[in-house]
């Protein structure tokens, strides 16, 4: 009886370990993506076209008309279900720096579609930055 119980415990432990080890992060493929950007300032929405190139841990994003979005380039990482972008450019202070692809974004990637979303909360509301991109 003890041997059967011990075998069952070991079996459950091994199956649990295998199941947990397969929960890898949703890796984003290197390459070029293009699509739409949207920023929502409460009920006011601005949109623009953009592209994103990812090579290793480096990224480059193009700017849209009137800086919707502003673009950006630098390094990027994926950790704990978030994509983090560290922009390395110098910018003027005459626009919303949230329009720069920088900081942490929630993301999803299905092998073709890459969606990024960041919400910045403040007293009385929030601003939402979203990228809906397709692999070229």
Foldseek 3Di string as FASTA:
>chain_A
DVVVVVVVVVVVVVVVVVVVVPPDAQDDDFAKKWDKKWKDPDPDIDMFIKMWGDDPQKIWMPAGPPPQPVIFIDGWDDDPQKIADDGDDDDDPPDPPVSYRGGIWRWDDDPFWIKTWDWADDVPGIMIIIDIITGD
